[in-house]
Amino acid sequence: MSEYQEIGFEQRMALVDFRVSERAHITVDGDACRGCTTQGCVVACPANLFVPTSDGGILFNYEQCFECGTCYLVCNTEGAITWTYPEGGHGVVFALS
């Protein structure tokens, strides 16, 4: 029986490689977000990539995205988030150790 070594968040993140494409695989229409009362993407994103602006919009940076799709699932404003898979060879890569 093998045991797994416990490691902290920082150690786990050191094993993650982001192969960033020039084309964003997620786009956010900040104007569509202005009427959103929940801003679920801000709360739900495990990478904290969504930032509310003072005018009620949302800023988003895709470069450190885990590609989990949580933002797309929790968004309650149609058309605010467009999500696709990154181009081949790009995106998040999780190392095994």
Protein backbone atom coordinates (compact mmCIF):
# COMPACT_ATOMS: atom_id res chain seq x y z
CA MET A 1 0.00 0.00 0.00
CA SER A 2 1.49 3.34 -0.99
CA GLU A 3 1.00 6.51 0.97
CA TYR A 4 0.66 9.99 -0.47
CA GLN A 5 2.88 12.71 0.84
CA GLU A 6 0.98 15.75 2.07
CA ILE A 7 2.10 18.95 0.40
CA GLY A 8 0.96 22.54 0.80
CA PHE A 9 -0.69 24.82 -1.73
CA GLU A 10 2.55 26.61 -2.66
CA GLN A 11 4.28 23.28 -3.29
CA ARG A 12 1.40 22.12 -5.48
CA MET A 13 1.43 25.35 -7.47
CA ALA A 14 5.16 24.91 -8.08
CA LEU A 15 4.23 21.76 -10.02
CA VAL A 16 1.84 23.62 -12.36
CA ASP A 17 2.96 24.91 -15.74
CA PHE A 18 0.82 27.34 -17.75
CA ARG A 19 1.47 27.21 -21.49
CA VAL A 20 -0.17 30.45 -22.49
CA SER A 21 -1.61 30.90 -25.96
CA GLU A 22 -1.93 34.29 -27.60
CA ARG A 23 -5.63 33.54 -28.07
CA ALA A 24 -7.65 33.59 -24.86
CA HIS A 25 -9.71 30.44 -24.32
CA ILE A 26 -12.05 32.35 -22.03
CA THR A 27 -13.39 35.80 -22.73
CA VAL A 28 -15.50 37.92 -20.42
CA ASP A 29 -17.86 40.63 -21.60
CA GLY A 30 -17.37 43.14 -18.78
CA ASP A 31 -20.32 45.20 -20.00
CA ALA A 32 -22.66 42.21 -19.63
CA CYS A 33 -21.38 41.78 -16.07
CA ARG A 34 -22.46 45.25 -14.96
CA GLY A 35 -26.00 44.10 -14.23
CA CYS A 36 -24.93 40.97 -12.37
CA THR A 37 -25.86 41.02 -8.70
CA THR A 38 -24.06 37.83 -7.64
CA GLN A 39 -20.69 37.99 -9.45
CA GLY A 40 -20.36 34.26 -8.80
CA CYS A 41 -17.27 34.04 -10.99
CA VAL A 42 -15.37 36.31 -8.58
CA VAL A 43 -16.17 34.07 -5.62
CA ALA A 44 -15.96 30.68 -7.34
CA CYS A 45 -12.75 30.92 -9.40
CA PRO A 46 -10.11 28.82 -7.59
CA ALA A 47 -7.32 30.87 -9.20
CA ASN A 48 -8.87 34.26 -8.26
CA LEU A 49 -8.70 35.48 -11.86
CA PHE A 50 -11.89 37.58 -11.80
CA VAL A 51 -11.68 41.09 -10.35
CA PRO A 52 -14.71 43.36 -9.92
CA THR A 53 -14.26 46.92 -11.15
CA SER A 54 -15.58 50.06 -9.49
CA ASP A 55 -18.16 50.51 -12.28
CA GLY A 56 -19.68 47.04 -11.72
CA GLY A 57 -17.81 45.25 -14.51
CA ILE A 58 -15.33 42.40 -14.30
CA LEU A 59 -11.68 42.17 -15.32
CA PHE A 60 -10.33 38.73 -16.21
CA ASN A 61 -6.87 37.38 -17.03
CA TYR A 62 -6.81 33.92 -18.60
CA GLU A 63 -3.06 33.29 -18.33
CA GLN A 64 -3.16 31.40 -15.00
CA CYS A 65 -6.48 29.62 -15.60
CA PHE A 66 -6.90 26.03 -14.34
CA GLU A 67 -9.50 25.35 -17.09
CA CYS A 68 -11.99 23.95 -14.57
CA GLY A 69 -15.00 25.71 -16.13
CA THR A 70 -16.36 26.84 -12.76
CA CYS A 71 -16.76 30.44 -13.94
CA TYR A 72 -18.84 29.32 -16.91
CA LEU A 73 -21.05 27.11 -14.73
CA VAL A 74 -21.80 29.69 -12.03
CA CYS A 75 -22.33 32.64 -14.37
CA ASN A 76 -25.99 33.64 -14.44
CA THR A 77 -25.67 36.29 -17.17
CA GLU A 78 -26.12 34.85 -20.64
CA GLY A 79 -23.23 35.70 -22.94
CA ALA A 80 -21.03 37.18 -20.23
CA ILE A 81 -18.48 34.34 -20.34
CA THR A 82 -17.39 32.49 -23.46
CA TRP A 83 -15.38 29.33 -22.65
CA THR A 84 -13.52 27.04 -25.03
CA TYR A 85 -10.57 24.69 -24.67
CA PRO A 86 -7.13 26.25 -25.24
CA GLU A 87 -5.45 25.68 -28.58
CA GLY A 88 -3.46 22.45 -28.86
CA GLY A 89 -0.26 22.45 -26.83
CA HIS A 90 -1.46 25.30 -24.62
CA GLY A 91 -3.17 25.53 -21.27
CA VAL A 92 -2.50 24.24 -17.79
CA VAL A 93 -0.21 21.26 -17.24
CA PHE A 94 -0.13 19.51 -13.88
CA ALA A 95 3.13 17.69 -13.12
CA LEU A 96 2.94 14.46 -11.18
CA SER A 97 5.75 15.27 -8.76
